[in-house]
Amino acid sequence: MPRHLTLALAAICVFVAVAAIMTKVMPSPMGESDFLVIGSVATLVALLVLFLVMISTTKSSNVFFKKRRK
């Protein structure tokens, strides 16, 4: 399976898991703003996990800077 597809599926799984957990944790009479918070937190966590996995699996030792040729 290609790396990009695996990372995308992992991010989707993390998003769904966090959204499901937050839906169970939030108090029962949920309004529209509660669902907005759940989606926002799930998106933040999924993107954070995706970023950390991409940094930890990269081959370069220096991820943020590239050396220029002289």
PDB file of N, CA and C in Angstrom:
ATOM      1  N   MET A   1       0.847  -1.171   0.000  1.00  0.00           N
ATOM      2  CA  MET A   1       0.000   0.000   0.000  1.00  0.00           C
ATOM      3  C   MET A   1       0.899   1.243   0.000  1.00  0.00           C
ATOM      4  N   PRO A   2       0.619   2.211  -0.840  1.00  0.00           N
ATOM      5  CA  PRO A   2       1.462   3.417  -0.880  1.00  0.00           C
ATOM      6  C   PRO A   2       1.420   4.192   0.438  1.00  0.00           C
ATOM      7  N   ARG A   3       2.488   4.924   0.691  1.00  0.00           N
ATOM      8  CA  ARG A   3       2.628   5.643   1.963  1.00  0.00           C
ATOM      9  C   ARG A   3       1.541   6.701   2.137  1.00  0.00           C
ATOM     10  N   HIS A   4       1.226   7.426   1.076  1.00  0.00           N
ATOM     11  CA  HIS A   4       0.232   8.497   1.181  1.00  0.00           C
ATOM     12  C   HIS A   4      -1.154   7.944   1.513  1.00  0.00           C
ATOM     13  N   LEU A   5      -1.507   6.829   0.913  1.00  0.00           N
ATOM     14  CA  LEU A   5      -2.803   6.212   1.193  1.00  0.00           C
ATOM     15  C   LEU A   5      -2.864   5.697   2.630  1.00  0.00           C
ATOM     16  N   THR A   6      -1.786   5.119   3.097  1.00  0.00           N
ATOM     17  CA  THR A   6      -1.732   4.630   4.475  1.00  0.00           C
ATOM     18  C   THR A   6      -1.860   5.773   5.482  1.00  0.00           C
ATOM     19  N   LEU A   7      -1.158   6.873   5.223  1.00  0.00           N
ATOM     20  CA  LEU A   7      -1.250   8.022   6.117  1.00  0.00           C
ATOM     21  C   LEU A   7      -2.644   8.628   6.117  1.00  0.00           C
ATOM     22  N   ALA A   8      -3.272   8.691   4.946  1.00  0.00           N
ATOM     23  CA  ALA A   8      -4.628   9.244   4.868  1.00  0.00           C
ATOM     24  C   ALA A   8      -5.622   8.362   5.622  1.00  0.00           C
ATOM     25  N   LEU A   9      -5.514   7.059   5.458  1.00  0.00           N
ATOM     26  CA  LEU A   9      -6.413   6.149   6.173  1.00  0.00           C
ATOM     27  C   LEU A   9      -6.184   6.199   7.679  1.00  0.00           C
ATOM     28  N   ALA A  10      -4.941   6.342   8.087  1.00  0.00           N
ATOM     29  CA  ALA A  10      -4.643   6.458   9.521  1.00  0.00           C
ATOM     30  C   ALA A  10      -5.228   7.745  10.098  1.00  0.00           C
ATOM     31  N   ALA A  11      -5.125   8.839   9.356  1.00  0.00           N
ATOM     32  CA  ALA A  11      -5.681  10.110   9.827  1.00  0.00           C
ATOM     33  C   ALA A  11      -7.201  10.033   9.925  1.00  0.00           C
ATOM     34  N   ILE A  12      -7.835   9.376   8.971  1.00  0.00           N
ATOM     35  CA  ILE A  12      -9.297   9.219   9.009  1.00  0.00           C
ATOM     36  C   ILE A  12      -9.704   8.358  10.198  1.00  0.00           C
ATOM     37  N   CYS A  13      -8.956   7.284  10.453  1.00  0.00           N
ATOM     38  CA  CYS A  13      -9.273   6.423  11.597  1.00  0.00           C
ATOM     39  C   CYS A  13      -9.110   7.170  12.920  1.00  0.00           C
ATOM     40  N   VAL A  14      -8.063   7.973  13.031  1.00  0.00           N
ATOM     41  CA  VAL A  14      -7.862   8.766  14.250  1.00  0.00           C
ATOM     42  C   VAL A  14      -8.993   9.772  14.416  1.00  0.00           C
ATOM     43  N   PHE A  15      -9.393  10.416  13.322  1.00  0.00           N
ATOM     44  CA  PHE A  15     -10.494  11.384  13.379  1.00  0.00           C
ATOM     45  C   PHE A  15     -11.778  10.724  13.870  1.00  0.00           C
ATOM     46  N   VAL A  16     -12.112   9.572  13.301  1.00  0.00           N
ATOM     47  CA  VAL A  16     -13.346   8.869  13.679  1.00  0.00           C
ATOM     48  C   VAL A  16     -13.287   8.421  15.136  1.00  0.00           C
ATOM     49  N   ALA A  17     -12.133   7.925  15.566  1.00  0.00           N
ATOM     50  CA  ALA A  17     -12.005   7.457  16.951  1.00  0.00           C
ATOM     51  C   ALA A  17     -12.154   8.617  17.937  1.00  0.00           C
ATOM     52  N   VAL A  18     -11.498   9.732  17.660  1.00  0.00           N
ATOM     53  CA  VAL A  18     -11.585  10.881  18.569  1.00  0.00           C
ATOM     54  C   VAL A  18     -12.996  11.451  18.577  1.00  0.00           C
ATOM     55  N   ALA A  19     -13.632  11.518  17.412  1.00  0.00           N
ATOM     56  CA  ALA A  19     -15.007  12.034  17.353  1.00  0.00           C
ATOM     57  C   ALA A  19     -15.965  11.125  18.120  1.00  0.00           C
ATOM     58  N   ALA A  20     -15.781   9.817  18.015  1.00  0.00           N
ATOM     59  CA  ALA A  20     -16.644   8.886  18.746  1.00  0.00           C
ATOM     60  C   ALA A  20     -16.432   8.998  20.257  1.00  0.00           C
ATOM     61  N   ILE A  21     -15.178   9.122  20.668  1.00  0.00           N
ATOM     62  CA  ILE A  21     -14.891   9.258  22.100  1.00  0.00           C
ATOM     63  C   ILE A  21     -15.467  10.558  22.636  1.00  0.00           C
ATOM     64  N   MET A  22     -15.281  11.638  21.897  1.00  0.00           N
ATOM     65  CA  MET A  22     -15.809  12.932  22.355  1.00  0.00           C
ATOM     66  C   MET A  22     -17.337  12.944  22.388  1.00  0.00           C
ATOM     67  N   THR A  23     -17.974  12.245  21.461  1.00  0.00           N
ATOM     68  CA  THR A  23     -19.440  12.165  21.463  1.00  0.00           C
ATOM     69  C   THR A  23     -19.938  11.443  22.710  1.00  0.00           C
ATOM     70  N   LYS A  24     -19.219  10.407  23.136  1.00  0.00           N
ATOM     71  CA  LYS A  24     -19.611   9.675  24.340  1.00  0.00           C
ATOM     72  C   LYS A  24     -19.323  10.474  25.614  1.00  0.00           C
ATOM     73  N   VAL A  25     -18.266  11.282  25.601  1.00  0.00           N
ATOM     74  CA  VAL A  25     -17.854  12.013  26.795  1.00  0.00           C
ATOM     75  C   VAL A  25     -18.706  13.253  27.037  1.00  0.00           C
ATOM     76  N   MET A  26     -19.161  13.900  25.969  1.00  0.00           N
ATOM     77  CA  MET A  26     -19.931  15.142  26.114  1.00  0.00           C
ATOM     78  C   MET A  26     -21.266  14.861  26.804  1.00  0.00           C
ATOM     79  N   PRO A  27     -21.779  15.828  27.567  1.00  0.00           N
ATOM     80  CA  PRO A  27     -23.068  15.640  28.231  1.00  0.00           C
ATOM     81  C   PRO A  27     -24.210  15.465  27.222  1.00  0.00           C
ATOM     82  N   SER A  28     -25.259  14.837  27.673  1.00  0.00           N
ATOM     83  CA  SER A  28     -26.324  14.349  26.793  1.00  0.00           C
ATOM     84  C   SER A  28     -27.039  15.393  25.931  1.00  0.00           C
ATOM     85  N   PRO A  29     -27.582  16.464  26.442  1.00  0.00           N
ATOM     86  CA  PRO A  29     -28.279  17.374  25.508  1.00  0.00           C
ATOM     87  C   PRO A  29     -27.264  18.208  24.717  1.00  0.00           C
ATOM     88  N   MET A  30     -26.839  17.676  23.579  1.00  0.00           N
ATOM     89  CA  MET A  30     -25.820  18.360  22.778  1.00  0.00           C
ATOM     90  C   MET A  30     -26.475  19.301  21.778  1.00  0.00           C
ATOM     91  N   GLY A  31     -25.865  20.454  21.648  1.00  0.00           N
ATOM     92  CA  GLY A  31     -26.328  21.439  20.676  1.00  0.00           C
ATOM     93  C   GLY A  31     -25.390  21.490  19.481  1.00  0.00           C
ATOM     94  N   GLU A  32     -25.662  22.441  18.595  1.00  0.00           N
ATOM     95  CA  GLU A  32     -24.831  22.565  17.395  1.00  0.00           C
ATOM     96  C   GLU A  32     -23.398  22.942  17.743  1.00  0.00           C
ATOM     97  N   SER A  33     -23.220  23.766  18.762  1.00  0.00           N
ATOM     98  CA  SER A  33     -21.862  24.184  19.133  1.00  0.00           C
ATOM     99  C   SER A  33     -21.052  23.014  19.702  1.00  0.00           C
ATOM    100  N   ASP A  34     -21.715  22.067  20.349  1.00  0.00           N
ATOM    101  CA  ASP A  34     -21.008  20.889  20.868  1.00  0.00           C
ATOM    102  C   ASP A  34     -20.456  20.039  19.724  1.00  0.00           C
ATOM    103  N   PHE A  35     -21.248  19.876  18.679  1.00  0.00           N
ATOM    104  CA  PHE A  35     -20.774  19.115  17.523  1.00  0.00           C
ATOM    105  C   PHE A  35     -19.641  19.854  16.804  1.00  0.00           C
ATOM    106  N   LEU A  36     -19.692  21.182  16.820  1.00  0.00           N
ATOM    107  CA  LEU A  36     -18.602  21.979  16.247  1.00  0.00           C
ATOM    108  C   LEU A  36     -17.314  21.767  17.021  1.00  0.00           C
ATOM    109  N   VAL A  37     -17.407  21.736  18.349  1.00  0.00           N
ATOM    110  CA  VAL A  37     -16.234  21.505  19.196  1.00  0.00           C
ATOM    111  C   VAL A  37     -15.696  20.098  18.983  1.00  0.00           C
ATOM    112  N   ILE A  38     -16.569  19.121  18.897  1.00  0.00           N
ATOM    113  CA  ILE A  38     -16.145  17.732  18.669  1.00  0.00           C
ATOM    114  C   ILE A  38     -15.393  17.610  17.347  1.00  0.00           C
ATOM    115  N   GLY A  39     -15.934  18.188  16.297  1.00  0.00           N
ATOM    116  CA  GLY A  39     -15.275  18.144  14.986  1.00  0.00           C
ATOM    117  C   GLY A  39     -13.955  18.884  14.976  1.00  0.00           C
ATOM    118  N   SER A  40     -13.901  20.004  15.667  1.00  0.00           N
ATOM    119  CA  SER A  40     -12.660  20.788  15.715  1.00  0.00           C
ATOM    120  C   SER A  40     -11.560  20.046  16.464  1.00  0.00           C
ATOM    121  N   VAL A  41     -11.898  19.480  17.601  1.00  0.00           N
ATOM    122  CA  VAL A  41     -10.903  18.735  18.385  1.00  0.00           C
ATOM    123  C   VAL A  41     -10.454  17.489  17.627  1.00  0.00           C
ATOM    124  N   ALA A  42     -11.372  16.794  16.988  1.00  0.00           N
ATOM    125  CA  ALA A  42     -11.013  15.597  16.228  1.00  0.00           C
ATOM    126  C   ALA A  42     -10.100  15.951  15.051  1.00  0.00           C
ATOM    127  N   THR A  43     -10.375  17.063  14.389  1.00  0.00           N
ATOM    128  CA  THR A  43      -9.526  17.503  13.292  1.00  0.00           C
ATOM    129  C   THR A  43      -8.136  17.879  13.787  1.00  0.00           C
ATOM    130  N   LEU A  44      -8.068  18.599  14.899  1.00  0.00           N
ATOM    131  CA  LEU A  44      -6.782  18.995  15.471  1.00  0.00           C
ATOM    132  C   LEU A  44      -5.944  17.776  15.840  1.00  0.00           C
ATOM    133  N   VAL A  45      -6.540  16.808  16.496  1.00  0.00           N
ATOM    134  CA  VAL A  45      -5.799  15.611  16.918  1.00  0.00           C
ATOM    135  C   VAL A  45      -5.360  14.792  15.705  1.00  0.00           C
ATOM    136  N   ALA A  46      -6.236  14.643  14.700  1.00  0.00           N
ATOM    137  CA  ALA A  46      -5.886  13.869  13.507  1.00  0.00           C
ATOM    138  C   ALA A  46      -4.736  14.525  12.754  1.00  0.00           C
ATOM    139  N   LEU A  47      -4.754  15.844  12.617  1.00  0.00           N
ATOM    140  CA  LEU A  47      -3.666  16.520  11.923  1.00  0.00           C
ATOM    141  C   LEU A  47      -2.373  16.477  12.725  1.00  0.00           C
ATOM    142  N   LEU A  48      -2.466  16.559  14.039  1.00  0.00           N
ATOM    143  CA  LEU A  48      -1.277  16.460  14.880  1.00  0.00           C
ATOM    144  C   LEU A  48      -0.639  15.077  14.769  1.00  0.00           C
ATOM    145  N   VAL A  49      -1.457  14.041  14.805  1.00  0.00           N
ATOM    146  CA  VAL A  49      -0.937  12.674  14.657  1.00  0.00           C
ATOM    147  C   VAL A  49      -0.318  12.486  13.272  1.00  0.00           C
ATOM    148  N   LEU A  50      -0.973  13.000  12.234  1.00  0.00           N
ATOM    149  CA  LEU A  50      -0.439  12.895  10.877  1.00  0.00           C
ATOM    150  C   LEU A  50       0.910  13.603  10.772  1.00  0.00           C
ATOM    151  N   PHE A  51       1.018  14.799  11.344  1.00  0.00           N
ATOM    152  CA  PHE A  51       2.265  15.553  11.319  1.00  0.00           C
ATOM    153  C   PHE A  51       3.383  14.805  12.053  1.00  0.00           C
ATOM    154  N   LEU A  52       3.080  14.271  13.221  1.00  0.00           N
ATOM    155  CA  LEU A  52       4.101  13.558  13.992  1.00  0.00           C
ATOM    156  C   LEU A  52       4.555  12.281  13.298  1.00  0.00           C
ATOM    157  N   VAL A  53       3.625  11.575  12.667  1.00  0.00           N
ATOM    158  CA  VAL A  53       3.998  10.349  11.942  1.00  0.00           C
ATOM    159  C   VAL A  53       4.851  10.695  10.728  1.00  0.00           C
ATOM    160  N   MET A  54       4.490  11.762  10.025  1.00  0.00           N
ATOM    161  CA  MET A  54       5.282  12.140   8.852  1.00  0.00           C
ATOM    162  C   MET A  54       6.691  12.566   9.246  1.00  0.00           C
ATOM    163  N   ILE A  55       6.831  13.278  10.360  1.00  0.00           N
ATOM    164  CA  ILE A  55       8.163  13.693  10.803  1.00  0.00           C
ATOM    165  C   ILE A  55       8.973  12.497  11.285  1.00  0.00           C
ATOM    166  N   SER A  56       8.342  11.591  11.993  1.00  0.00           N
ATOM    167  CA  SER A  56       9.098  10.460  12.549  1.00  0.00           C
ATOM    168  C   SER A  56       9.482   9.430  11.488  1.00  0.00           C
ATOM    169  N   THR A  57       8.784   9.383  10.368  1.00  0.00           N
ATOM    170  CA  THR A  57       9.096   8.390   9.341  1.00  0.00           C
ATOM    171  C   THR A  57       9.875   8.959   8.164  1.00  0.00           C
ATOM    172  N   THR A  58      10.245  10.216   8.228  1.00  0.00           N
ATOM    173  CA  THR A  58      10.987  10.794   7.114  1.00  0.00           C
ATOM    174  C   THR A  58      12.432  10.311   7.126  1.00  0.00           C
ATOM    175  N   LYS A  59      13.042  10.273   5.967  1.00  0.00           N
ATOM    176  CA  LYS A  59      14.398   9.747   5.850  1.00  0.00           C
ATOM    177  C   LYS A  59      15.450  10.795   6.167  1.00  0.00           C
ATOM    178  N   SER A  60      15.107  12.059   6.012  1.00  0.00           N
ATOM    179  CA  SER A  60      16.061  13.132   6.248  1.00  0.00           C
ATOM    180  C   SER A  60      16.249  13.368   7.745  1.00  0.00           C
ATOM    181  N   SER A  61      17.459  13.716   8.133  1.00  0.00           N
ATOM    182  CA  SER A  61      17.718  13.977   9.547  1.00  0.00           C
ATOM    183  C   SER A  61      17.233  15.366   9.949  1.00  0.00           C
ATOM    184  N   ASN A  62      17.240  16.303   9.012  1.00  0.00           N
ATOM    185  CA  ASN A  62      16.794  17.654   9.281  1.00  0.00           C
ATOM    186  C   ASN A  62      15.522  17.905   8.470  1.00  0.00           C
ATOM    187  N   VAL A  63      14.379  17.859   9.119  1.00  0.00           N
ATOM    188  CA  VAL A  63      13.095  17.880   8.426  1.00  0.00           C
ATOM    189  C   VAL A  63      12.718  19.268   7.943  1.00  0.00           C
ATOM    190  N   PHE A  64      12.998  20.291   8.742  1.00  0.00           N
ATOM    191  CA  PHE A  64      12.472  21.615   8.453  1.00  0.00           C
ATOM    192  C   PHE A  64      13.367  22.467   7.562  1.00  0.00           C
ATOM    193  N   PHE A  65      14.623  22.114   7.426  1.00  0.00           N
ATOM    194  CA  PHE A  65      15.533  22.918   6.634  1.00  0.00           C
ATOM    195  C   PHE A  65      16.215  22.052   5.595  1.00  0.00           C
ATOM    196  N   LYS A  66      16.439  22.632   4.426  1.00  0.00           N
ATOM    197  CA  LYS A  66      17.142  21.954   3.361  1.00  0.00           C
ATOM    198  C   LYS A  66      18.438  22.707   3.086  1.00  0.00           C
ATOM    199  N   LYS A  67      19.508  21.986   2.955  1.00  0.00           N
ATOM    200  CA  LYS A  67      20.775  22.642   2.629  1.00  0.00           C
ATOM    201  C   LYS A  67      20.800  22.961   1.133  1.00  0.00           C
ATOM    202  N   ARG A  68      21.243  24.157   0.844  1.00  0.00           N
ATOM    203  CA  ARG A  68      21.353  24.577  -0.566  1.00  0.00           C
ATOM    204  C   ARG A  68      22.716  24.167  -1.124  1.00  0.00           C
ATOM    205  N   ARG A  69      22.704  23.938  -2.405  1.00  0.00           N
ATOM    206  CA  ARG A  69      23.975  23.654  -3.072  1.00  0.00           C
ATOM    207  C   ARG A  69      24.741  24.954  -3.235  1.00  0.00           C
ATOM    208  N   LYS A  70      26.044  24.874  -3.093  1.00  0.00           N
ATOM    209  CA  LYS A  70      26.870  26.079  -3.234  1.00  0.00           C
ATOM    210  C   LYS A  70      27.445  26.169  -4.609  1.00  0.00           C
TER     211      LYS A  70
END
